[in-house]
Amino acid sequence: MSGSVAASQGSDGFLELSDELSPGSVKVNTPFHYVLMPMRMS
């Protein structure tokens, strides 16, 4: 997640989450769309 924050260069972004077991996404004003995949640790 730190890569997507660093790539934003101070522009606005969105973090979209639906629940704890579904993938989330980070959208910033760049040509990239970052997907966050959850990991079950139990």
N, C-alpha and C. Protein backbone atom coordinates (compact mmCIF):
# COMPACT_ATOMS: atom_id res chain seq x y z
N MET A 1 0.82 -1.18 0.00
CA MET A 1 0.00 0.00 0.00
C MET A 1 0.87 1.25 0.00
N SER A 2 2.05 1.16 0.54
CA SER A 2 2.91 2.35 0.58
C SER A 2 3.31 2.78 -0.83
N GLY A 3 3.41 1.84 -1.77
CA GLY A 3 3.74 2.19 -3.15
C GLY A 3 2.68 3.05 -3.80
N SER A 4 1.42 2.72 -3.55
CA SER A 4 0.34 3.51 -4.14
C SER A 4 0.26 4.90 -3.52
N VAL A 5 0.55 5.00 -2.24
CA VAL A 5 0.54 6.31 -1.58
C VAL A 5 1.70 7.15 -2.09
N ALA A 6 2.86 6.55 -2.27
CA ALA A 6 4.02 7.29 -2.78
C ALA A 6 3.80 7.74 -4.22
N ALA A 7 3.11 6.94 -5.02
CA ALA A 7 2.88 7.28 -6.43
C ALA A 7 1.86 8.39 -6.60
N SER A 8 1.06 8.66 -5.58
CA SER A 8 0.02 9.67 -5.71
C SER A 8 0.57 11.08 -5.81
N GLN A 9 1.78 11.34 -5.33
CA GLN A 9 2.43 12.64 -5.41
C GLN A 9 1.56 13.77 -4.86
N GLY A 10 0.82 13.51 -3.80
CA GLY A 10 0.02 14.54 -3.16
C GLY A 10 -1.35 14.76 -3.76
N SER A 11 -1.73 13.99 -4.77
CA SER A 11 -3.06 14.16 -5.36
C SER A 11 -4.09 13.37 -4.56
N ASP A 12 -5.35 13.66 -4.82
CA ASP A 12 -6.43 12.96 -4.12
C ASP A 12 -6.53 11.52 -4.57
N GLY A 13 -7.00 10.67 -3.66
CA GLY A 13 -7.17 9.27 -3.98
C GLY A 13 -8.35 8.69 -3.23
N PHE A 14 -8.71 7.47 -3.58
CA PHE A 14 -9.85 6.79 -2.95
C PHE A 14 -9.43 5.40 -2.53
N LEU A 15 -9.86 5.01 -1.35
CA LEU A 15 -9.67 3.65 -0.85
C LEU A 15 -11.06 3.04 -0.77
N GLU A 16 -11.28 1.97 -1.55
CA GLU A 16 -12.59 1.33 -1.58
C GLU A 16 -12.51 -0.05 -0.95
N LEU A 17 -13.30 -0.26 0.09
CA LEU A 17 -13.37 -1.54 0.80
C LEU A 17 -14.82 -1.93 0.97
N SER A 18 -15.13 -3.22 0.82
CA SER A 18 -16.51 -3.64 1.04
C SER A 18 -16.65 -4.46 2.32
N ASP A 19 -15.72 -5.35 2.60
CA ASP A 19 -15.71 -6.08 3.86
C ASP A 19 -14.31 -6.65 4.09
N GLU A 20 -14.12 -7.37 5.19
CA GLU A 20 -12.77 -7.80 5.57
C GLU A 20 -12.22 -8.95 4.73
N LEU A 21 -13.04 -9.64 3.95
CA LEU A 21 -12.56 -10.77 3.15
C LEU A 21 -12.58 -10.52 1.65
N SER A 22 -13.02 -9.36 1.21
CA SER A 22 -13.08 -9.04 -0.21
C SER A 22 -11.91 -8.14 -0.60
N PRO A 23 -11.47 -8.23 -1.85
CA PRO A 23 -10.40 -7.35 -2.29
C PRO A 23 -10.83 -5.88 -2.22
N GLY A 24 -9.88 -5.03 -1.93
CA GLY A 24 -10.12 -3.60 -1.92
C GLY A 24 -9.32 -2.96 -3.04
N SER A 25 -9.53 -1.69 -3.27
CA SER A 25 -8.77 -1.01 -4.32
C SER A 25 -8.40 0.40 -3.89
N VAL A 26 -7.29 0.85 -4.44
CA VAL A 26 -6.81 2.21 -4.24
C VAL A 26 -6.77 2.85 -5.61
N LYS A 27 -7.46 3.97 -5.76
CA LYS A 27 -7.46 4.70 -7.02
C LYS A 27 -6.91 6.09 -6.75
N VAL A 28 -5.86 6.43 -7.48
CA VAL A 28 -5.27 7.76 -7.39
C VAL A 28 -5.24 8.36 -8.79
N ASN A 29 -4.92 9.62 -8.89
CA ASN A 29 -4.91 10.30 -10.18
C ASN A 29 -3.66 9.97 -10.98
N THR A 30 -3.44 8.69 -11.22
CA THR A 30 -2.35 8.19 -12.04
C THR A 30 -2.95 7.15 -12.97
N PRO A 31 -2.21 6.66 -13.93
CA PRO A 31 -2.77 5.63 -14.83
C PRO A 31 -2.85 4.24 -14.18
N PHE A 32 -2.63 4.14 -12.88
CA PHE A 32 -2.61 2.84 -12.21
C PHE A 32 -3.81 2.68 -11.29
N HIS A 33 -4.21 1.44 -11.10
CA HIS A 33 -5.29 1.05 -10.19
C HIS A 33 -4.71 -0.06 -9.32
N TYR A 34 -4.62 0.15 -8.03
CA TYR A 34 -4.01 -0.81 -7.12
C TYR A 34 -5.08 -1.67 -6.47
N VAL A 35 -4.86 -2.98 -6.43
CA VAL A 35 -5.80 -3.91 -5.82
C VAL A 35 -5.16 -4.48 -4.56
N LEU A 36 -5.89 -4.44 -3.45
CA LEU A 36 -5.43 -4.98 -2.18
C LEU A 36 -6.12 -6.32 -1.95
N MET A 37 -5.31 -7.37 -1.85
CA MET A 37 -5.87 -8.71 -1.64
C MET A 37 -5.73 -9.09 -0.18
N PRO A 38 -6.84 -9.47 0.46
CA PRO A 38 -6.78 -9.86 1.89
C PRO A 38 -6.13 -11.23 2.05
N MET A 39 -5.53 -11.44 3.20
CA MET A 39 -4.93 -12.74 3.54
C MET A 39 -5.50 -13.20 4.87
N ARG A 40 -5.99 -14.41 4.90
CA ARG A 40 -6.49 -14.99 6.15
C ARG A 40 -5.29 -15.53 6.92
N MET A 41 -5.12 -15.10 8.15
CA MET A 41 -3.93 -15.45 8.93
C MET A 41 -4.21 -16.49 10.02
N SER A 42 -5.30 -17.19 9.94
CA SER A 42 -5.58 -18.18 10.99
C SER A 42 -5.55 -19.59 10.46
